[in-house]
Amino acid sequence: MKIADTGYATELEDIPNIGKSIAADLRGIGIRQPQQLLEHDPLDLYLKLSSTMGKRHDPCVLYTLMAARHFMQSGEALKWWTFTGQGKKLLGKKC
């Protein structure tokens, strides 16, 4: 995929793959700015979302968080499902 300038991402919804629902969930756990995704491991955020909301989220939420962090680190916008294999391995270790 194309490399983008991550500087345009001033709101969570500016990040590829992050829509209103996931952005609202992230805000609920204190993630308000795109740069904050670089301070947290996607799996830790996924698990925090699950514990805060009292239910386990669909694994695609983890893959989306991985894609978002990848974008913020590299500027490369990849579809969330690109991270399915890597995410399944992480979930297998933690869950």
PDB file of N, CA and C in Angstrom:
ATOM      1  N   MET A   1       0.824  -1.185   0.000  1.00  0.00           N
ATOM      2  CA  MET A   1       0.000   0.000   0.000  1.00  0.00           C
ATOM      3  C   MET A   1       0.864   1.242   0.000  1.00  0.00           C
ATOM      4  N   LYS A   2       0.247   2.333  -0.223  1.00  0.00           N
ATOM      5  CA  LYS A   2       0.919   3.614  -0.328  1.00  0.00           C
ATOM      6  C   LYS A   2       1.404   4.112   1.032  1.00  0.00           C
ATOM      7  N   ILE A   3       2.570   4.711   1.037  1.00  0.00           N
ATOM      8  CA  ILE A   3       3.107   5.344   2.241  1.00  0.00           C
ATOM      9  C   ILE A   3       2.495   6.741   2.322  1.00  0.00           C
ATOM     10  N   ALA A   4       1.965   7.071   3.499  1.00  0.00           N
ATOM     11  CA  ALA A   4       1.300   8.352   3.704  1.00  0.00           C
ATOM     12  C   ALA A   4       2.025   9.157   4.778  1.00  0.00           C
ATOM     13  N   ASP A   5       1.686  10.405   4.853  1.00  0.00           N
ATOM     14  CA  ASP A   5       2.196  11.272   5.909  1.00  0.00           C
ATOM     15  C   ASP A   5       1.274  11.111   7.112  1.00  0.00           C
ATOM     16  N   THR A   6       1.794  10.590   8.210  1.00  0.00           N
ATOM     17  CA  THR A   6       0.956  10.368   9.397  1.00  0.00           C
ATOM     18  C   THR A   6       0.624  11.674  10.099  1.00  0.00           C
ATOM     19  N   GLY A   7       1.259  12.776   9.716  1.00  0.00           N
ATOM     20  CA  GLY A   7       1.002  14.055  10.349  1.00  0.00           C
ATOM     21  C   GLY A   7      -0.412  14.566  10.139  1.00  0.00           C
ATOM     22  N   TYR A   8      -1.083  14.094   9.093  1.00  0.00           N
ATOM     23  CA  TYR A   8      -2.464  14.533   8.875  1.00  0.00           C
ATOM     24  C   TYR A   8      -3.421  13.899   9.871  1.00  0.00           C
ATOM     25  N   ALA A   9      -2.996  12.853  10.543  1.00  0.00           N
ATOM     26  CA  ALA A   9      -3.863  12.135  11.484  1.00  0.00           C
ATOM     27  C   ALA A   9      -3.897  12.898  12.809  1.00  0.00           C
ATOM     28  N   THR A  10      -4.849  13.814  12.915  1.00  0.00           N
ATOM     29  CA  THR A  10      -4.997  14.579  14.146  1.00  0.00           C
ATOM     30  C   THR A  10      -6.112  14.021  15.022  1.00  0.00           C
ATOM     31  N   GLU A  11      -6.987  13.254  14.434  1.00  0.00           N
ATOM     32  CA  GLU A  11      -8.073  12.575  15.148  1.00  0.00           C
ATOM     33  C   GLU A  11      -7.919  11.076  14.917  1.00  0.00           C
ATOM     34  N   LEU A  12      -8.405  10.286  15.835  1.00  0.00           N
ATOM     35  CA  LEU A  12      -8.312   8.833  15.673  1.00  0.00           C
ATOM     36  C   LEU A  12      -8.942   8.363  14.371  1.00  0.00           C
ATOM     37  N   GLU A  13     -10.053   8.999  13.996  1.00  0.00           N
ATOM     38  CA  GLU A  13     -10.757   8.607  12.775  1.00  0.00           C
ATOM     39  C   GLU A  13      -9.977   8.922  11.499  1.00  0.00           C
ATOM     40  N   ASP A  14      -8.898   9.700  11.616  1.00  0.00           N
ATOM     41  CA  ASP A  14      -8.045   9.987  10.457  1.00  0.00           C
ATOM     42  C   ASP A  14      -7.136   8.813  10.107  1.00  0.00           C
ATOM     43  N   ILE A  15      -7.022   7.855  11.003  1.00  0.00           N
ATOM     44  CA  ILE A  15      -6.166   6.690  10.792  1.00  0.00           C
ATOM     45  C   ILE A  15      -6.932   5.665   9.960  1.00  0.00           C
ATOM     46  N   PRO A  16      -6.314   5.148   8.903  1.00  0.00           N
ATOM     47  CA  PRO A  16      -6.983   4.108   8.121  1.00  0.00           C
ATOM     48  C   PRO A  16      -7.451   2.957   9.022  1.00  0.00           C
ATOM     49  N   ASN A  17      -8.617   2.445   8.780  1.00  0.00           N
ATOM     50  CA  ASN A  17      -9.248   1.325   9.488  1.00  0.00           C
ATOM     51  C   ASN A  17      -9.924   1.723  10.801  1.00  0.00           C
ATOM     52  N   ILE A  18      -9.730   2.939  11.288  1.00  0.00           N
ATOM     53  CA  ILE A  18     -10.351   3.358  12.541  1.00  0.00           C
ATOM     54  C   ILE A  18     -11.600   4.176  12.220  1.00  0.00           C
ATOM     55  N   GLY A  19     -12.737   3.632  12.615  1.00  0.00           N
ATOM     56  CA  GLY A  19     -14.003   4.324  12.417  1.00  0.00           C
ATOM     57  C   GLY A  19     -14.507   4.906  13.728  1.00  0.00           C
ATOM     58  N   LYS A  20     -15.713   5.407  13.693  1.00  0.00           N
ATOM     59  CA  LYS A  20     -16.295   6.066  14.868  1.00  0.00           C
ATOM     60  C   LYS A  20     -16.401   5.141  16.068  1.00  0.00           C
ATOM     61  N   SER A  21     -16.788   3.905  15.852  1.00  0.00           N
ATOM     62  CA  SER A  21     -16.999   2.972  16.956  1.00  0.00           C
ATOM     63  C   SER A  21     -15.692   2.631  17.685  1.00  0.00           C
ATOM     64  N   ILE A  22     -14.679   2.247  16.941  1.00  0.00           N
ATOM     65  CA  ILE A  22     -13.398   1.904  17.579  1.00  0.00           C
ATOM     66  C   ILE A  22     -12.764   3.151  18.182  1.00  0.00           C
ATOM     67  N   ALA A  23     -12.901   4.289  17.510  1.00  0.00           N
ATOM     68  CA  ALA A  23     -12.370   5.537  18.071  1.00  0.00           C
ATOM     69  C   ALA A  23     -13.043   5.842  19.412  1.00  0.00           C
ATOM     70  N   ALA A  24     -14.352   5.652  19.497  1.00  0.00           N
ATOM     71  CA  ALA A  24     -15.068   5.896  20.753  1.00  0.00           C
ATOM     72  C   ALA A  24     -14.599   4.930  21.839  1.00  0.00           C
ATOM     73  N   ASP A  25     -14.395   3.673  21.483  1.00  0.00           N
ATOM     74  CA  ASP A  25     -13.894   2.684  22.453  1.00  0.00           C
ATOM     75  C   ASP A  25     -12.514   3.097  22.963  1.00  0.00           C
ATOM     76  N   LEU A  26     -11.649   3.539  22.049  1.00  0.00           N
ATOM     77  CA  LEU A  26     -10.305   3.960  22.447  1.00  0.00           C
ATOM     78  C   LEU A  26     -10.356   5.179  23.363  1.00  0.00           C
ATOM     79  N   ARG A  27     -11.220   6.110  23.040  1.00  0.00           N
ATOM     80  CA  ARG A  27     -11.358   7.286  23.914  1.00  0.00           C
ATOM     81  C   ARG A  27     -11.820   6.873  25.305  1.00  0.00           C
ATOM     82  N   GLY A  28     -12.638   5.833  25.356  1.00  0.00           N
ATOM     83  CA  GLY A  28     -13.135   5.334  26.632  1.00  0.00           C
ATOM     84  C   GLY A  28     -12.040   4.788  27.540  1.00  0.00           C
ATOM     85  N   ILE A  29     -10.901   4.428  26.965  1.00  0.00           N
ATOM     86  CA  ILE A  29      -9.777   3.945  27.782  1.00  0.00           C
ATOM     87  C   ILE A  29      -8.620   4.946  27.790  1.00  0.00           C
ATOM     88  N   GLY A  30      -8.928   6.189  27.392  1.00  0.00           N
ATOM     89  CA  GLY A  30      -7.936   7.249  27.512  1.00  0.00           C
ATOM     90  C   GLY A  30      -7.075   7.530  26.300  1.00  0.00           C
ATOM     91  N   ILE A  31      -7.308   6.837  25.206  1.00  0.00           N
ATOM     92  CA  ILE A  31      -6.551   7.093  23.974  1.00  0.00           C
ATOM     93  C   ILE A  31      -7.335   8.138  23.181  1.00  0.00           C
ATOM     94  N   ARG A  32      -6.810   9.355  23.134  1.00  0.00           N
ATOM     95  CA  ARG A  32      -7.541  10.449  22.498  1.00  0.00           C
ATOM     96  C   ARG A  32      -6.853  10.989  21.243  1.00  0.00           C
ATOM     97  N   GLN A  33      -5.568  10.770  21.139  1.00  0.00           N
ATOM     98  CA  GLN A  33      -4.794  11.285  20.007  1.00  0.00           C
ATOM     99  C   GLN A  33      -4.101  10.128  19.284  1.00  0.00           C
ATOM    100  N   PRO A  34      -3.989  10.219  17.959  1.00  0.00           N
ATOM    101  CA  PRO A  34      -3.337   9.145  17.202  1.00  0.00           C
ATOM    102  C   PRO A  34      -1.942   8.782  17.703  1.00  0.00           C
ATOM    103  N   GLN A  35      -1.159   9.775  18.101  1.00  0.00           N
ATOM    104  CA  GLN A  35       0.202   9.501  18.556  1.00  0.00           C
ATOM    105  C   GLN A  35       0.237   8.606  19.794  1.00  0.00           C
ATOM    106  N   GLN A  36      -0.831   8.609  20.575  1.00  0.00           N
ATOM    107  CA  GLN A  36      -0.875   7.773  21.773  1.00  0.00           C
ATOM    108  C   GLN A  36      -0.836   6.284  21.439  1.00  0.00           C
ATOM    109  N   LEU A  37      -1.210   5.923  20.229  1.00  0.00           N
ATOM    110  CA  LEU A  37      -1.159   4.509  19.833  1.00  0.00           C
ATOM    111  C   LEU A  37       0.275   3.991  19.815  1.00  0.00           C
ATOM    112  N   LEU A  38       1.229   4.887  19.658  1.00  0.00           N
ATOM    113  CA  LEU A  38       2.630   4.488  19.637  1.00  0.00           C
ATOM    114  C   LEU A  38       3.150   4.169  21.038  1.00  0.00           C
ATOM    115  N   GLU A  39       2.432   4.597  22.049  1.00  0.00           N
ATOM    116  CA  GLU A  39       2.846   4.385  23.438  1.00  0.00           C
ATOM    117  C   GLU A  39       2.324   3.076  24.024  1.00  0.00           C
ATOM    118  N   HIS A  40       1.484   2.374  23.265  1.00  0.00           N
ATOM    119  CA  HIS A  40       0.823   1.177  23.784  1.00  0.00           C
ATOM    120  C   HIS A  40       0.927   0.023  22.801  1.00  0.00           C
ATOM    121  N   ASP A  41       1.067  -1.158  23.338  1.00  0.00           N
ATOM    122  CA  ASP A  41       1.056  -2.371  22.534  1.00  0.00           C
ATOM    123  C   ASP A  41      -0.381  -2.663  22.094  1.00  0.00           C
ATOM    124  N   PRO A  42      -0.621  -2.971  20.817  1.00  0.00           N
ATOM    125  CA  PRO A  42      -1.982  -3.240  20.362  1.00  0.00           C
ATOM    126  C   PRO A  42      -2.684  -4.353  21.157  1.00  0.00           C
ATOM    127  N   LEU A  43      -1.964  -5.409  21.522  1.00  0.00           N
ATOM    128  CA  LEU A  43      -2.589  -6.483  22.291  1.00  0.00           C
ATOM    129  C   LEU A  43      -3.003  -5.989  23.672  1.00  0.00           C
ATOM    130  N   ASP A  44      -2.164  -5.180  24.299  1.00  0.00           N
ATOM    131  CA  ASP A  44      -2.526  -4.626  25.603  1.00  0.00           C
ATOM    132  C   ASP A  44      -3.773  -3.751  25.503  1.00  0.00           C
ATOM    133  N   LEU A  45      -3.867  -2.947  24.443  1.00  0.00           N
ATOM    134  CA  LEU A  45      -5.058  -2.124  24.249  1.00  0.00           C
ATOM    135  C   LEU A  45      -6.292  -2.992  24.034  1.00  0.00           C
ATOM    136  N   TYR A  46      -6.148  -4.023  23.240  1.00  0.00           N
ATOM    137  CA  TYR A  46      -7.251  -4.951  22.968  1.00  0.00           C
ATOM    138  C   TYR A  46      -7.747  -5.583  24.268  1.00  0.00           C
ATOM    139  N   LEU A  47      -6.819  -6.056  25.088  1.00  0.00           N
ATOM    140  CA  LEU A  47      -7.192  -6.684  26.351  1.00  0.00           C
ATOM    141  C   LEU A  47      -7.798  -5.669  27.320  1.00  0.00           C
ATOM    142  N   LYS A  48      -7.292  -4.442  27.308  1.00  0.00           N
ATOM    143  CA  LYS A  48      -7.852  -3.397  28.168  1.00  0.00           C
ATOM    144  C   LYS A  48      -9.273  -3.051  27.730  1.00  0.00           C
ATOM    145  N   LEU A  49      -9.494  -2.966  26.431  1.00  0.00           N
ATOM    146  CA  LEU A  49     -10.842  -2.715  25.922  1.00  0.00           C
ATOM    147  C   LEU A  49     -11.797  -3.807  26.400  1.00  0.00           C
ATOM    148  N   SER A  50     -11.346  -5.047  26.293  1.00  0.00           N
ATOM    149  CA  SER A  50     -12.189  -6.172  26.702  1.00  0.00           C
ATOM    150  C   SER A  50     -12.511  -6.118  28.189  1.00  0.00           C
ATOM    151  N   SER A  51     -11.514  -5.860  29.023  1.00  0.00           N
ATOM    152  CA  SER A  51     -11.759  -5.848  30.466  1.00  0.00           C
ATOM    153  C   SER A  51     -12.585  -4.634  30.872  1.00  0.00           C
ATOM    154  N   THR A  52     -12.361  -3.501  30.255  1.00  0.00           N
ATOM    155  CA  THR A  52     -13.114  -2.289  30.579  1.00  0.00           C
ATOM    156  C   THR A  52     -14.574  -2.419  30.180  1.00  0.00           C
ATOM    157  N   MET A  53     -14.820  -3.043  29.048  1.00  0.00           N
ATOM    158  CA  MET A  53     -16.186  -3.162  28.545  1.00  0.00           C
ATOM    159  C   MET A  53     -16.880  -4.434  29.028  1.00  0.00           C
ATOM    160  N   GLY A  54     -16.138  -5.295  29.711  1.00  0.00           N
ATOM    161  CA  GLY A  54     -16.749  -6.489  30.274  1.00  0.00           C
ATOM    162  C   GLY A  54     -17.048  -7.598  29.289  1.00  0.00           C
ATOM    163  N   LYS A  55     -16.444  -7.542  28.127  1.00  0.00           N
ATOM    164  CA  LYS A  55     -16.641  -8.606  27.131  1.00  0.00           C
ATOM    165  C   LYS A  55     -15.429  -8.668  26.238  1.00  0.00           C
ATOM    166  N   ARG A  56     -15.190  -9.840  25.709  1.00  0.00           N
ATOM    167  CA  ARG A  56     -14.084  -9.994  24.764  1.00  0.00           C
ATOM    168  C   ARG A  56     -14.529  -9.488  23.402  1.00  0.00           C
ATOM    169  N   HIS A  57     -13.712  -8.648  22.833  1.00  0.00           N
ATOM    170  CA  HIS A  57     -14.001  -8.115  21.509  1.00  0.00           C
ATOM    171  C   HIS A  57     -13.654  -9.140  20.443  1.00  0.00           C
ATOM    172  N   ASP A  58     -14.247  -8.967  19.293  1.00  0.00           N
ATOM    173  CA  ASP A  58     -13.905  -9.776  18.138  1.00  0.00           C
ATOM    174  C   ASP A  58     -12.411  -9.587  17.857  1.00  0.00           C
ATOM    175  N   PRO A  59     -11.715 -10.639  17.483  1.00  0.00           N
ATOM    176  CA  PRO A  59     -10.278 -10.514  17.182  1.00  0.00           C
ATOM    177  C   PRO A  59      -9.954  -9.483  16.111  1.00  0.00           C
ATOM    178  N   CYS A  60     -10.905  -9.174  15.239  1.00  0.00           N
ATOM    179  CA  CYS A  60     -10.611  -8.186  14.193  1.00  0.00           C
ATOM    180  C   CYS A  60     -10.318  -6.809  14.801  1.00  0.00           C
ATOM    181  N   VAL A  61     -10.780  -6.566  16.030  1.00  0.00           N
ATOM    182  CA  VAL A  61     -10.433  -5.312  16.706  1.00  0.00           C
ATOM    183  C   VAL A  61      -8.924  -5.267  16.971  1.00  0.00           C
ATOM    184  N   LEU A  62      -8.361  -6.379  17.402  1.00  0.00           N
ATOM    185  CA  LEU A  62      -6.911  -6.444  17.596  1.00  0.00           C
ATOM    186  C   LEU A  62      -6.193  -6.180  16.280  1.00  0.00           C
ATOM    187  N   TYR A  63      -6.635  -6.812  15.214  1.00  0.00           N
ATOM    188  CA  TYR A  63      -5.974  -6.657  13.924  1.00  0.00           C
ATOM    189  C   TYR A  63      -6.055  -5.190  13.460  1.00  0.00           C
ATOM    190  N   THR A  64      -7.180  -4.557  13.754  1.00  0.00           N
ATOM    191  CA  THR A  64      -7.362  -3.147  13.415  1.00  0.00           C
ATOM    192  C   THR A  64      -6.393  -2.273  14.207  1.00  0.00           C
ATOM    193  N   LEU A  65      -6.231  -2.573  15.484  1.00  0.00           N
ATOM    194  CA  LEU A  65      -5.285  -1.820  16.314  1.00  0.00           C
ATOM    195  C   LEU A  65      -3.856  -2.022  15.831  1.00  0.00           C
ATOM    196  N   MET A  66      -3.552  -3.222  15.386  1.00  0.00           N
ATOM    197  CA  MET A  66      -2.222  -3.497  14.838  1.00  0.00           C
ATOM    198  C   MET A  66      -1.998  -2.703  13.553  1.00  0.00           C
ATOM    199  N   ALA A  67      -3.002  -2.653  12.704  1.00  0.00           N
ATOM    200  CA  ALA A  67      -2.903  -1.891  11.454  1.00  0.00           C
ATOM    201  C   ALA A  67      -2.746  -0.398  11.740  1.00  0.00           C
ATOM    202  N   ALA A  68      -3.465   0.087  12.745  1.00  0.00           N
ATOM    203  CA  ALA A  68      -3.388   1.503  13.102  1.00  0.00           C
ATOM    204  C   ALA A  68      -2.001   1.859  13.630  1.00  0.00           C
ATOM    205  N   ARG A  69      -1.473   1.015  14.483  1.00  0.00           N
ATOM    206  CA  ARG A  69      -0.127   1.284  15.017  1.00  0.00           C
ATOM    207  C   ARG A  69       0.916   1.213  13.897  1.00  0.00           C
ATOM    208  N   HIS A  70       0.762   0.232  13.019  1.00  0.00           N
ATOM    209  CA  HIS A  70       1.677   0.117  11.885  1.00  0.00           C
ATOM    210  C   HIS A  70       1.653   1.410  11.061  1.00  0.00           C
ATOM    211  N   PHE A  71       0.465   1.921  10.807  1.00  0.00           N
ATOM    212  CA  PHE A  71       0.340   3.165  10.046  1.00  0.00           C
ATOM    213  C   PHE A  71       1.037   4.315  10.763  1.00  0.00           C
ATOM    214  N   MET A  72       0.832   4.421  12.061  1.00  0.00           N
ATOM    215  CA  MET A  72       1.443   5.522  12.815  1.00  0.00           C
ATOM    216  C   MET A  72       2.963   5.391  12.871  1.00  0.00           C
ATOM    217  N   GLN A  73       3.467   4.174  12.834  1.00  0.00           N
ATOM    218  CA  GLN A  73       4.918   3.970  12.857  1.00  0.00           C
ATOM    219  C   GLN A  73       5.562   4.194  11.490  1.00  0.00           C
ATOM    220  N   SER A  74       4.872   3.757  10.455  1.00  0.00           N
ATOM    221  CA  SER A  74       5.512   3.720   9.136  1.00  0.00           C
ATOM    222  C   SER A  74       4.875   4.616   8.074  1.00  0.00           C
ATOM    223  N   GLY A  75       3.634   5.019   8.289  1.00  0.00           N
ATOM    224  CA  GLY A  75       2.920   5.763   7.257  1.00  0.00           C
ATOM    225  C   GLY A  75       2.323   4.862   6.191  1.00  0.00           C
ATOM    226  N   GLU A  76       2.496   3.561   6.338  1.00  0.00           N
ATOM    227  CA  GLU A  76       1.973   2.600   5.368  1.00  0.00           C
ATOM    228  C   GLU A  76       0.576   2.177   5.789  1.00  0.00           C
ATOM    229  N   ALA A  77      -0.395   2.444   4.934  1.00  0.00           N
ATOM    230  CA  ALA A  77      -1.785   2.100   5.210  1.00  0.00           C
ATOM    231  C   ALA A  77      -2.081   0.702   4.665  1.00  0.00           C
ATOM    232  N   LEU A  78      -2.218  -0.251   5.572  1.00  0.00           N
ATOM    233  CA  LEU A  78      -2.557  -1.623   5.197  1.00  0.00           C
ATOM    234  C   LEU A  78      -3.944  -1.960   5.711  1.00  0.00           C
ATOM    235  N   LYS A  79      -4.642  -2.825   5.032  1.00  0.00           N
ATOM    236  CA  LYS A  79      -5.952  -3.293   5.498  1.00  0.00           C
ATOM    237  C   LYS A  79      -5.767  -4.070   6.793  1.00  0.00           C
ATOM    238  N   TRP A  80      -6.759  -4.005   7.667  1.00  0.00           N
ATOM    239  CA  TRP A  80      -6.633  -4.651   8.972  1.00  0.00           C
ATOM    240  C   TRP A  80      -6.407  -6.147   8.851  1.00  0.00           C
ATOM    241  N   TRP A  81      -6.994  -6.780   7.852  1.00  0.00           N
ATOM    242  CA  TRP A  81      -6.886  -8.239   7.754  1.00  0.00           C
ATOM    243  C   TRP A  81      -5.467  -8.694   7.402  1.00  0.00           C
ATOM    244  N   THR A  82      -4.613  -7.774   7.002  1.00  0.00           N
ATOM    245  CA  THR A  82      -3.207  -8.090   6.765  1.00  0.00           C
ATOM    246  C   THR A  82      -2.551  -8.628   8.042  1.00  0.00           C
ATOM    247  N   PHE A  83      -3.083  -8.241   9.197  1.00  0.00           N
ATOM    248  CA  PHE A  83      -2.493  -8.589  10.486  1.00  0.00           C
ATOM    249  C   PHE A  83      -3.158  -9.798  11.147  1.00  0.00           C
ATOM    250  N   THR A  84      -4.018 -10.491  10.413  1.00  0.00           N
ATOM    251  CA  THR A  84      -4.740 -11.629  10.971  1.00  0.00           C
ATOM    252  C   THR A  84      -3.803 -12.719  11.479  1.00  0.00           C
ATOM    253  N   GLY A  85      -2.867 -13.143  10.679  1.00  0.00           N
ATOM    254  CA  GLY A  85      -1.955 -14.221  11.084  1.00  0.00           C
ATOM    255  C   GLY A  85      -1.134 -13.857  12.304  1.00  0.00           C
ATOM    256  N   GLN A  86      -0.556 -12.688  12.288  1.00  0.00           N
ATOM    257  CA  GLN A  86       0.243 -12.211  13.423  1.00  0.00           C
ATOM    258  C   GLN A  86      -0.627 -12.060  14.672  1.00  0.00           C
ATOM    259  N   GLY A  87      -1.828 -11.527  14.482  1.00  0.00           N
ATOM    260  CA  GLY A  87      -2.740 -11.343  15.611  1.00  0.00           C
ATOM    261  C   GLY A  87      -3.197 -12.665  16.225  1.00  0.00           C
ATOM    262  N   LYS A  88      -3.458 -13.656  15.383  1.00  0.00           N
ATOM    263  CA  LYS A  88      -3.857 -14.973  15.905  1.00  0.00           C
ATOM    264  C   LYS A  88      -2.762 -15.573  16.753  1.00  0.00           C
ATOM    265  N   LYS A  89      -1.515 -15.389  16.335  1.00  0.00           N
ATOM    266  CA  LYS A  89      -0.391 -15.894  17.138  1.00  0.00           C
ATOM    267  C   LYS A  89      -0.339 -15.197  18.493  1.00  0.00           C
ATOM    268  N   LEU A  90      -0.534 -13.884  18.499  1.00  0.00           N
ATOM    269  CA  LEU A  90      -0.540 -13.145  19.769  1.00  0.00           C
ATOM    270  C   LEU A  90      -1.675 -13.600  20.675  1.00  0.00           C
ATOM    271  N   LEU A  91      -2.846 -13.766  20.106  1.00  0.00           N
ATOM    272  CA  LEU A  91      -3.999 -14.198  20.899  1.00  0.00           C
ATOM    273  C   LEU A  91      -3.802 -15.599  21.446  1.00  0.00           C
ATOM    274  N   GLY A  92      -3.147 -16.453  20.681  1.00  0.00           N
ATOM    275  CA  GLY A  92      -2.878 -17.800  21.125  1.00  0.00           C
ATOM    276  C   GLY A  92      -1.965 -17.846  22.346  1.00  0.00           C
ATOM    277  N   LYS A  93      -1.094 -16.852  22.452  1.00  0.00           N
ATOM    278  CA  LYS A  93      -0.174 -16.772  23.574  1.00  0.00           C
ATOM    279  C   LYS A  93      -0.822 -16.176  24.828  1.00  0.00           C
ATOM    280  N   LYS A  94      -1.788 -15.265  24.632  1.00  0.00           N
ATOM    281  CA  LYS A  94      -2.358 -14.513  25.751  1.00  0.00           C
ATOM    282  C   LYS A  94      -3.717 -15.015  26.204  1.00  0.00           C
ATOM    283  N   CYS A  95      -4.487 -15.548  25.294  1.00  0.00           N
ATOM    284  CA  CYS A  95      -5.890 -15.857  25.620  1.00  0.00           C
ATOM    285  C   CYS A  95      -6.136 -17.353  25.681  1.00  0.00           C
TER     286      CYS A  95
END
